[in-house]
Amino acid sequence: MMAVNEGFKDYVVDQLEQLGWVTVKKMFGGAGIYYEGIIFGLLADDVLYFKVDDSNRSDYEQIGMEPFQPFADKPMVMPCYEVPVEILENKELLSDWARKALSASKNMPSKGSKGKRRSKNNYSNISSLASNRSKTSGLGVRYKVQFRS
């Protein structure tokens, strides 16, 4: 279970105030930490994890921190490492580490860049929504979307 205590979440957000406006979104029992729409950290079981790459991984490994392992019975690890308590308790240092994590997150390849091709949707076959709308009673406007084959 990866529950996150609201008090811990609020504490982390407060500690990150020097970074700027961060948002926390629930996901898979834990929570993701975002800055301007980019995820750079995780909260799981009241532990803070930051994203890592080759530029900041050694900061964590040198002090014995471990990568995030979402499932105890599986060897899968994620590119996130536990943030040391000493860093979490120091707003200035935490802000520095968060900026490095944000940079690491920005440098990660996007999901679509692994050689997989997405199928292209052909939106030209969608008929005009405006001409096919019908009013509903008290619920606003409902649109009928028709696809042509």
N, C-alpha and C. Protein backbone atom coordinates (compact mmCIF):
# COMPACT_ATOMS: atom_id res chain seq x y z
N MET A 1 0.84 -1.19 0.00
CA MET A 1 0.00 0.00 0.00
C MET A 1 0.88 1.24 0.00
N MET A 2 0.52 2.23 -0.79
CA MET A 2 1.33 3.44 -0.91
C MET A 2 0.54 4.67 -0.47
N ALA A 3 -0.11 4.59 0.65
CA ALA A 3 -0.92 5.71 1.12
C ALA A 3 -0.06 6.91 1.47
N VAL A 4 -0.66 8.07 1.36
CA VAL A 4 0.03 9.32 1.69
C VAL A 4 -0.81 10.07 2.71
N ASN A 5 -0.23 10.36 3.85
CA ASN A 5 -0.88 11.13 4.89
C ASN A 5 -1.00 12.58 4.43
N GLU A 6 -2.18 13.17 4.60
CA GLU A 6 -2.41 14.56 4.18
C GLU A 6 -1.45 15.53 4.87
N GLY A 7 -1.16 15.29 6.13
CA GLY A 7 -0.23 16.15 6.87
C GLY A 7 1.17 16.11 6.26
N PHE A 8 1.61 14.91 5.87
CA PHE A 8 2.93 14.78 5.24
C PHE A 8 2.94 15.48 3.88
N LYS A 9 1.87 15.29 3.11
CA LYS A 9 1.77 15.95 1.80
C LYS A 9 1.85 17.46 1.96
N ASP A 10 1.10 18.00 2.91
CA ASP A 10 1.11 19.45 3.16
C ASP A 10 2.50 19.93 3.58
N TYR A 11 3.18 19.13 4.41
CA TYR A 11 4.53 19.47 4.85
C TYR A 11 5.50 19.55 3.66
N VAL A 12 5.43 18.56 2.78
CA VAL A 12 6.31 18.55 1.60
C VAL A 12 6.04 19.76 0.72
N VAL A 13 4.78 20.06 0.46
CA VAL A 13 4.43 21.23 -0.36
C VAL A 13 4.97 22.50 0.27
N ASP A 14 4.82 22.63 1.59
CA ASP A 14 5.35 23.80 2.30
C ASP A 14 6.87 23.87 2.18
N GLN A 15 7.52 22.74 2.31
CA GLN A 15 8.99 22.71 2.22
C GLN A 15 9.47 23.09 0.82
N LEU A 16 8.64 22.87 -0.19
CA LEU A 16 9.01 23.18 -1.57
C LEU A 16 8.63 24.59 -2.00
N GLU A 17 8.24 25.45 -1.07
CA GLU A 17 7.75 26.78 -1.43
C GLU A 17 8.77 27.61 -2.20
N GLN A 18 10.07 27.41 -1.99
CA GLN A 18 11.07 28.18 -2.72
C GLN A 18 11.12 27.81 -4.20
N LEU A 19 10.65 26.62 -4.52
CA LEU A 19 10.60 26.20 -5.92
C LEU A 19 9.52 26.96 -6.68
N GLY A 20 8.44 27.25 -6.01
CA GLY A 20 7.31 27.91 -6.65
C GLY A 20 6.06 27.08 -6.46
N TRP A 21 5.07 27.31 -7.28
CA TRP A 21 3.78 26.64 -7.18
C TRP A 21 3.90 25.19 -7.63
N VAL A 22 3.76 24.26 -6.70
CA VAL A 22 3.75 22.84 -7.04
C VAL A 22 2.36 22.28 -6.78
N THR A 23 2.02 21.25 -7.52
CA THR A 23 0.74 20.59 -7.33
C THR A 23 0.99 19.12 -7.02
N VAL A 24 0.07 18.54 -6.29
CA VAL A 24 0.16 17.13 -5.93
C VAL A 24 -1.11 16.46 -6.44
N LYS A 25 -0.91 15.38 -7.20
CA LYS A 25 -2.05 14.64 -7.74
C LYS A 25 -1.97 13.19 -7.31
N LYS A 26 -3.08 12.66 -6.82
CA LYS A 26 -3.13 11.27 -6.41
C LYS A 26 -2.93 10.36 -7.61
N MET A 27 -2.18 9.29 -7.38
CA MET A 27 -1.97 8.31 -8.44
C MET A 27 -1.53 6.98 -7.84
N PHE A 28 -2.18 5.91 -8.19
CA PHE A 28 -1.81 4.56 -7.77
C PHE A 28 -1.60 4.42 -6.27
N GLY A 29 -2.41 5.05 -5.48
CA GLY A 29 -2.29 4.94 -4.03
C GLY A 29 -1.31 5.92 -3.42
N GLY A 30 -0.43 6.47 -4.23
CA GLY A 30 0.52 7.49 -3.78
C GLY A 30 0.12 8.82 -4.39
N ALA A 31 1.12 9.64 -4.68
CA ALA A 31 0.85 10.93 -5.30
C ALA A 31 2.05 11.38 -6.11
N GLY A 32 1.79 12.12 -7.18
CA GLY A 32 2.85 12.71 -7.98
C GLY A 32 2.98 14.18 -7.63
N ILE A 33 4.20 14.70 -7.67
CA ILE A 33 4.45 16.11 -7.42
C ILE A 33 4.84 16.75 -8.74
N TYR A 34 4.13 17.83 -9.09
CA TYR A 34 4.29 18.48 -10.39
C TYR A 34 4.68 19.94 -10.23
N TYR A 35 5.46 20.41 -11.20
CA TYR A 35 5.76 21.82 -11.32
C TYR A 35 5.51 22.18 -12.78
N GLU A 36 4.61 23.11 -13.01
CA GLU A 36 4.22 23.52 -14.37
C GLU A 36 3.89 22.31 -15.25
N GLY A 37 3.16 21.37 -14.68
CA GLY A 37 2.69 20.21 -15.42
C GLY A 37 3.70 19.09 -15.60
N ILE A 38 4.90 19.23 -15.05
CA ILE A 38 5.94 18.21 -15.21
C ILE A 38 6.13 17.49 -13.87
N ILE A 39 5.98 16.18 -13.90
CA ILE A 39 6.16 15.41 -12.67
C ILE A 39 7.65 15.30 -12.37
N PHE A 40 8.02 15.58 -11.13
CA PHE A 40 9.42 15.48 -10.74
C PHE A 40 9.61 14.74 -9.43
N GLY A 41 8.51 14.37 -8.79
CA GLY A 41 8.62 13.66 -7.53
C GLY A 41 7.41 12.79 -7.25
N LEU A 42 7.58 11.91 -6.27
CA LEU A 42 6.51 11.01 -5.85
C LEU A 42 6.41 11.01 -4.34
N LEU A 43 5.22 10.79 -3.85
CA LEU A 43 4.98 10.55 -2.43
C LEU A 43 4.38 9.16 -2.33
N ALA A 44 5.00 8.31 -1.53
CA ALA A 44 4.48 6.96 -1.33
C ALA A 44 4.84 6.52 0.08
N ASP A 45 3.85 6.02 0.82
CA ASP A 45 4.06 5.59 2.20
C ASP A 45 4.76 6.66 3.02
N ASP A 46 4.36 7.91 2.83
CA ASP A 46 4.92 9.05 3.55
C ASP A 46 6.44 9.16 3.39
N VAL A 47 6.90 8.89 2.19
CA VAL A 47 8.30 9.06 1.81
C VAL A 47 8.30 9.90 0.53
N LEU A 48 9.24 10.85 0.45
CA LEU A 48 9.39 11.68 -0.74
C LEU A 48 10.48 11.11 -1.63
N TYR A 49 10.18 10.97 -2.91
CA TYR A 49 11.13 10.49 -3.92
C TYR A 49 11.23 11.54 -5.01
N PHE A 50 12.45 11.77 -5.51
CA PHE A 50 12.66 12.68 -6.64
C PHE A 50 13.18 11.91 -7.84
N LYS A 51 12.83 12.41 -9.03
CA LYS A 51 13.32 11.83 -10.28
C LYS A 51 14.83 11.99 -10.38
N VAL A 52 15.47 11.00 -10.98
CA VAL A 52 16.91 11.05 -11.17
C VAL A 52 17.27 10.66 -12.60
N ASP A 53 18.43 11.11 -13.01
CA ASP A 53 19.08 10.66 -14.24
C ASP A 53 20.58 10.65 -13.94
N ASP A 54 21.40 10.56 -14.97
CA ASP A 54 22.85 10.51 -14.75
C ASP A 54 23.41 11.78 -14.10
N SER A 55 22.68 12.88 -14.21
CA SER A 55 23.18 14.15 -13.67
C SER A 55 23.03 14.26 -12.15
N ASN A 56 22.09 13.53 -11.55
CA ASN A 56 21.88 13.68 -10.10
C ASN A 56 21.79 12.37 -9.32
N ARG A 57 21.86 11.23 -10.01
CA ARG A 57 21.73 9.94 -9.33
C ARG A 57 22.81 9.75 -8.27
N SER A 58 24.02 10.19 -8.55
CA SER A 58 25.13 9.98 -7.59
C SER A 58 24.91 10.74 -6.28
N ASP A 59 24.17 11.85 -6.31
CA ASP A 59 23.85 12.58 -5.07
C ASP A 59 23.14 11.65 -4.08
N TYR A 60 22.29 10.81 -4.59
CA TYR A 60 21.51 9.89 -3.75
C TYR A 60 22.33 8.66 -3.38
N GLU A 61 23.01 8.09 -4.37
CA GLU A 61 23.77 6.86 -4.14
C GLU A 61 24.92 7.08 -3.17
N GLN A 62 25.57 8.24 -3.20
CA GLN A 62 26.70 8.53 -2.32
C GLN A 62 26.31 8.51 -0.85
N ILE A 63 25.05 8.77 -0.55
CA ILE A 63 24.63 8.77 0.85
C ILE A 63 23.73 7.57 1.16
N GLY A 64 23.75 6.59 0.27
CA GLY A 64 23.08 5.32 0.53
C GLY A 64 21.58 5.29 0.31
N MET A 65 21.04 6.23 -0.45
CA MET A 65 19.60 6.23 -0.72
C MET A 65 19.28 5.20 -1.81
N GLU A 66 18.08 4.67 -1.74
CA GLU A 66 17.65 3.60 -2.64
C GLU A 66 16.62 4.11 -3.65
N PRO A 67 16.55 3.46 -4.82
CA PRO A 67 15.51 3.84 -5.78
C PRO A 67 14.14 3.37 -5.31
N PHE A 68 13.12 4.02 -5.84
CA PHE A 68 11.74 3.67 -5.53
C PHE A 68 11.41 2.33 -6.15
N GLN A 69 10.92 1.42 -5.34
CA GLN A 69 10.50 0.10 -5.80
C GLN A 69 9.03 -0.04 -5.45
N PRO A 70 8.14 0.13 -6.43
CA PRO A 70 6.71 0.16 -6.12
C PRO A 70 6.14 -1.16 -5.61
N PHE A 71 6.77 -2.27 -5.95
CA PHE A 71 6.27 -3.58 -5.52
C PHE A 71 7.39 -4.34 -4.83
N ALA A 72 7.19 -4.66 -3.57
CA ALA A 72 8.22 -5.34 -2.78
C ALA A 72 8.57 -6.72 -3.35
N ASP A 73 7.60 -7.37 -3.97
CA ASP A 73 7.83 -8.72 -4.48
C ASP A 73 8.31 -8.76 -5.93
N LYS A 74 8.56 -7.59 -6.53
CA LYS A 74 9.03 -7.54 -7.92
C LYS A 74 10.29 -6.69 -7.99
N PRO A 75 11.23 -7.06 -8.86
CA PRO A 75 12.49 -6.33 -8.92
C PRO A 75 12.43 -4.98 -9.64
N MET A 76 11.27 -4.60 -10.14
CA MET A 76 11.14 -3.34 -10.88
C MET A 76 11.45 -2.13 -10.00
N VAL A 77 12.29 -1.24 -10.50
CA VAL A 77 12.56 0.03 -9.82
C VAL A 77 12.25 1.15 -10.78
N MET A 78 11.98 2.32 -10.23
CA MET A 78 11.66 3.49 -11.05
C MET A 78 12.80 4.49 -10.95
N PRO A 79 12.89 5.43 -11.90
CA PRO A 79 13.98 6.42 -11.87
C PRO A 79 13.73 7.52 -10.85
N CYS A 80 13.42 7.11 -9.63
CA CYS A 80 13.19 8.03 -8.51
C CYS A 80 13.91 7.48 -7.30
N TYR A 81 14.53 8.37 -6.53
CA TYR A 81 15.23 7.96 -5.32
C TYR A 81 14.64 8.67 -4.12
N GLU A 82 14.71 8.00 -2.97
CA GLU A 82 14.24 8.59 -1.72
C GLU A 82 15.06 9.82 -1.37
N VAL A 83 14.37 10.89 -0.99
CA VAL A 83 15.04 12.12 -0.57
C VAL A 83 15.43 11.97 0.90
N PRO A 84 16.70 12.20 1.23
CA PRO A 84 17.12 12.06 2.63
C PRO A 84 16.38 13.05 3.54
N VAL A 85 16.13 12.63 4.77
CA VAL A 85 15.41 13.46 5.74
C VAL A 85 16.13 14.79 5.95
N GLU A 86 17.46 14.77 5.97
CA GLU A 86 18.24 16.00 6.17
C GLU A 86 17.97 17.02 5.07
N ILE A 87 17.74 16.53 3.87
CA ILE A 87 17.43 17.42 2.74
C ILE A 87 15.98 17.89 2.85
N LEU A 88 15.07 16.97 3.15
CA LEU A 88 13.65 17.31 3.28
C LEU A 88 13.42 18.39 4.33
N GLU A 89 14.19 18.37 5.39
CA GLU A 89 13.99 19.33 6.48
C GLU A 89 14.62 20.69 6.23
N ASN A 90 15.39 20.83 5.16
CA ASN A 90 16.06 22.08 4.83
C ASN A 90 15.46 22.63 3.54
N LYS A 91 14.62 23.67 3.64
CA LYS A 91 13.91 24.20 2.47
C LYS A 91 14.84 24.59 1.33
N GLU A 92 15.97 25.22 1.65
CA GLU A 92 16.89 25.66 0.61
C GLU A 92 17.52 24.48 -0.13
N LEU A 93 18.00 23.49 0.62
CA LEU A 93 18.59 22.31 -0.02
C LEU A 93 17.53 21.51 -0.79
N LEU A 94 16.35 21.41 -0.20
CA LEU A 94 15.28 20.68 -0.88
C LEU A 94 14.92 21.34 -2.20
N SER A 95 14.91 22.65 -2.22
CA SER A 95 14.62 23.38 -3.45
C SER A 95 15.68 23.09 -4.51
N ASP A 96 16.95 23.04 -4.10
CA ASP A 96 18.03 22.71 -5.03
C ASP A 96 17.87 21.30 -5.59
N TRP A 97 17.58 20.34 -4.72
CA TRP A 97 17.41 18.96 -5.16
C TRP A 97 16.17 18.83 -6.05
N ALA A 98 15.13 19.59 -5.75
CA ALA A 98 13.91 19.56 -6.56
C ALA A 98 14.19 20.10 -7.96
N ARG A 99 14.99 21.15 -8.06
CA ARG A 99 15.34 21.70 -9.38
C ARG A 99 16.12 20.67 -10.20
N LYS A 100 17.02 19.94 -9.56
CA LYS A 100 17.77 18.88 -10.26
C LYS A 100 16.82 17.77 -10.71
N ALA A 101 15.85 17.43 -9.86
CA ALA A 101 14.87 16.40 -10.21
C ALA A 101 13.99 16.86 -11.37
N LEU A 102 13.63 18.13 -11.36
CA LEU A 102 12.83 18.69 -12.45
C LEU A 102 13.61 18.64 -13.75
N SER A 103 14.88 18.97 -13.68
CA SER A 103 15.74 18.90 -14.86
C SER A 103 15.85 17.46 -15.36
N ALA A 104 16.02 16.52 -14.43
CA ALA A 104 16.10 15.11 -14.80
C ALA A 104 14.81 14.66 -15.48
N SER A 105 13.69 15.10 -14.95
CA SER A 105 12.40 14.74 -15.52
C SER A 105 12.24 15.31 -16.92
N LYS A 106 12.68 16.54 -17.12
CA LYS A 106 12.58 17.16 -18.44
C LYS A 106 13.48 16.45 -19.46
N ASN A 107 14.59 15.88 -18.98
CA ASN A 107 15.54 15.22 -19.87
C ASN A 107 15.16 13.79 -20.23
N MET A 108 14.18 13.24 -19.54
CA MET A 108 13.77 11.85 -19.81
C MET A 108 13.05 11.78 -21.14
N PRO A 109 13.31 10.70 -21.89
CA PRO A 109 12.62 10.57 -23.17
C PRO A 109 11.12 10.41 -22.94
N SER A 110 10.37 10.98 -23.86
CA SER A 110 8.91 10.86 -23.75
C SER A 110 8.50 9.44 -24.08
N LYS A 111 7.31 9.06 -23.64
CA LYS A 111 6.82 7.71 -23.86
C LYS A 111 6.74 7.38 -25.34
N GLY A 112 6.45 8.34 -26.17
CA GLY A 112 6.30 8.10 -27.60
C GLY A 112 7.62 8.00 -28.35
N SER A 113 8.74 8.23 -27.69
CA SER A 113 10.01 8.24 -28.41
C SER A 113 10.75 6.92 -28.35
N LYS A 114 10.09 5.83 -27.96
CA LYS A 114 10.74 4.53 -27.85
C LYS A 114 10.61 3.72 -29.13
N GLY A 115 10.37 4.37 -30.23
CA GLY A 115 10.26 3.68 -31.49
C GLY A 115 8.86 3.17 -31.79
N LYS A 116 7.94 3.35 -30.89
CA LYS A 116 6.58 2.91 -31.12
C LYS A 116 5.87 3.95 -31.96
N ARG A 117 5.10 3.48 -32.90
CA ARG A 117 4.34 4.40 -33.73
C ARG A 117 2.91 4.43 -33.25
N ARG A 118 2.42 5.61 -33.06
CA ARG A 118 1.02 5.76 -32.70
C ARG A 118 0.19 5.78 -33.97
N SER A 119 -0.99 5.18 -33.89
CA SER A 119 -1.86 5.25 -35.05
C SER A 119 -2.42 6.66 -35.14
N LYS A 120 -2.49 7.13 -36.34
CA LYS A 120 -3.02 8.48 -36.54
C LYS A 120 -4.53 8.42 -36.61
N ASN A 121 -5.17 9.26 -35.85
CA ASN A 121 -6.63 9.37 -35.92
C ASN A 121 -6.98 10.28 -37.07
N ASN A 122 -7.96 9.88 -37.81
CA ASN A 122 -8.40 10.70 -38.91
C ASN A 122 -9.65 11.46 -38.46
N TYR A 123 -9.45 12.65 -37.98
CA TYR A 123 -10.54 13.44 -37.45
C TYR A 123 -11.36 14.11 -38.55
N SER A 124 -10.93 13.97 -39.79
CA SER A 124 -11.70 14.58 -40.87
C SER A 124 -13.03 13.86 -41.08
N ASN A 125 -13.18 12.65 -40.53
CA ASN A 125 -14.43 11.90 -40.69
C ASN A 125 -15.47 12.22 -39.63
N ILE A 126 -15.15 13.11 -38.70
CA ILE A 126 -16.12 13.48 -37.69
C ILE A 126 -17.02 14.57 -38.27
N SER A 127 -18.30 14.31 -38.24
CA SER A 127 -19.21 15.31 -38.80
C SER A 127 -19.29 16.51 -37.88
N SER A 128 -19.74 17.58 -38.41
CA SER A 128 -19.81 18.84 -37.68
C SER A 128 -20.66 18.71 -36.43
N LEU A 129 -20.07 19.03 -35.29
CA LEU A 129 -20.80 18.93 -34.03
C LEU A 129 -21.94 19.94 -33.96
N ALA A 130 -21.69 21.10 -34.45
CA ALA A 130 -22.70 22.15 -34.34
C ALA A 130 -23.99 21.78 -35.07
N SER A 131 -23.89 21.12 -36.20
CA SER A 131 -25.09 20.79 -36.95
C SER A 131 -25.82 19.58 -36.38
N ASN A 132 -25.18 18.81 -35.49
CA ASN A 132 -25.79 17.60 -34.96
C ASN A 132 -26.11 17.69 -33.47
N ARG A 133 -26.17 18.89 -32.91
CA ARG A 133 -26.43 18.96 -31.48
C ARG A 133 -27.92 18.96 -31.20
N SER A 134 -28.25 18.46 -30.04
CA SER A 134 -29.65 18.48 -29.61
C SER A 134 -29.67 18.89 -28.15
N LYS A 135 -30.67 19.68 -27.79
CA LYS A 135 -30.77 20.16 -26.41
C LYS A 135 -31.29 19.06 -25.52
N THR A 136 -30.78 19.06 -24.29
CA THR A 136 -31.28 18.13 -23.29
C THR A 136 -32.01 18.95 -22.24
N SER A 137 -32.87 18.31 -21.50
CA SER A 137 -33.66 19.05 -20.51
C SER A 137 -32.84 19.35 -19.27
N GLY A 138 -32.43 20.61 -19.11
CA GLY A 138 -31.74 21.06 -17.92
C GLY A 138 -30.31 20.63 -17.78
N LEU A 139 -29.76 19.91 -18.72
CA LEU A 139 -28.39 19.41 -18.59
C LEU A 139 -27.42 20.09 -19.55
N GLY A 140 -27.82 21.14 -20.18
CA GLY A 140 -26.93 21.81 -21.12
C GLY A 140 -27.12 21.28 -22.52
N VAL A 141 -26.06 21.16 -23.25
CA VAL A 141 -26.13 20.72 -24.64
C VAL A 141 -25.42 19.38 -24.78
N ARG A 142 -26.06 18.46 -25.47
CA ARG A 142 -25.47 17.15 -25.74
C ARG A 142 -25.11 17.11 -27.22
N TYR A 143 -23.93 16.63 -27.52
CA TYR A 143 -23.49 16.56 -28.90
C TYR A 143 -23.52 15.12 -29.39
N LYS A 144 -23.99 14.97 -30.62
CA LYS A 144 -23.96 13.67 -31.27
C LYS A 144 -22.75 13.66 -32.19
N VAL A 145 -21.88 12.70 -32.01
CA VAL A 145 -20.72 12.57 -32.87
C VAL A 145 -20.94 11.37 -33.77
N GLN A 146 -20.82 11.58 -35.05
CA GLN A 146 -20.99 10.50 -36.00
C GLN A 146 -19.70 10.27 -36.76
N PHE A 147 -19.32 9.03 -36.89
CA PHE A 147 -18.12 8.66 -37.64
C PHE A 147 -18.56 8.04 -38.95
N ARG A 148 -17.90 8.42 -40.00
CA ARG A 148 -18.17 7.84 -41.31
C ARG A 148 -17.10 6.81 -41.59
N SER A 149 -17.49 5.70 -42.18
CA SER A 149 -16.49 4.68 -42.49
C SER A 149 -15.95 4.81 -43.89
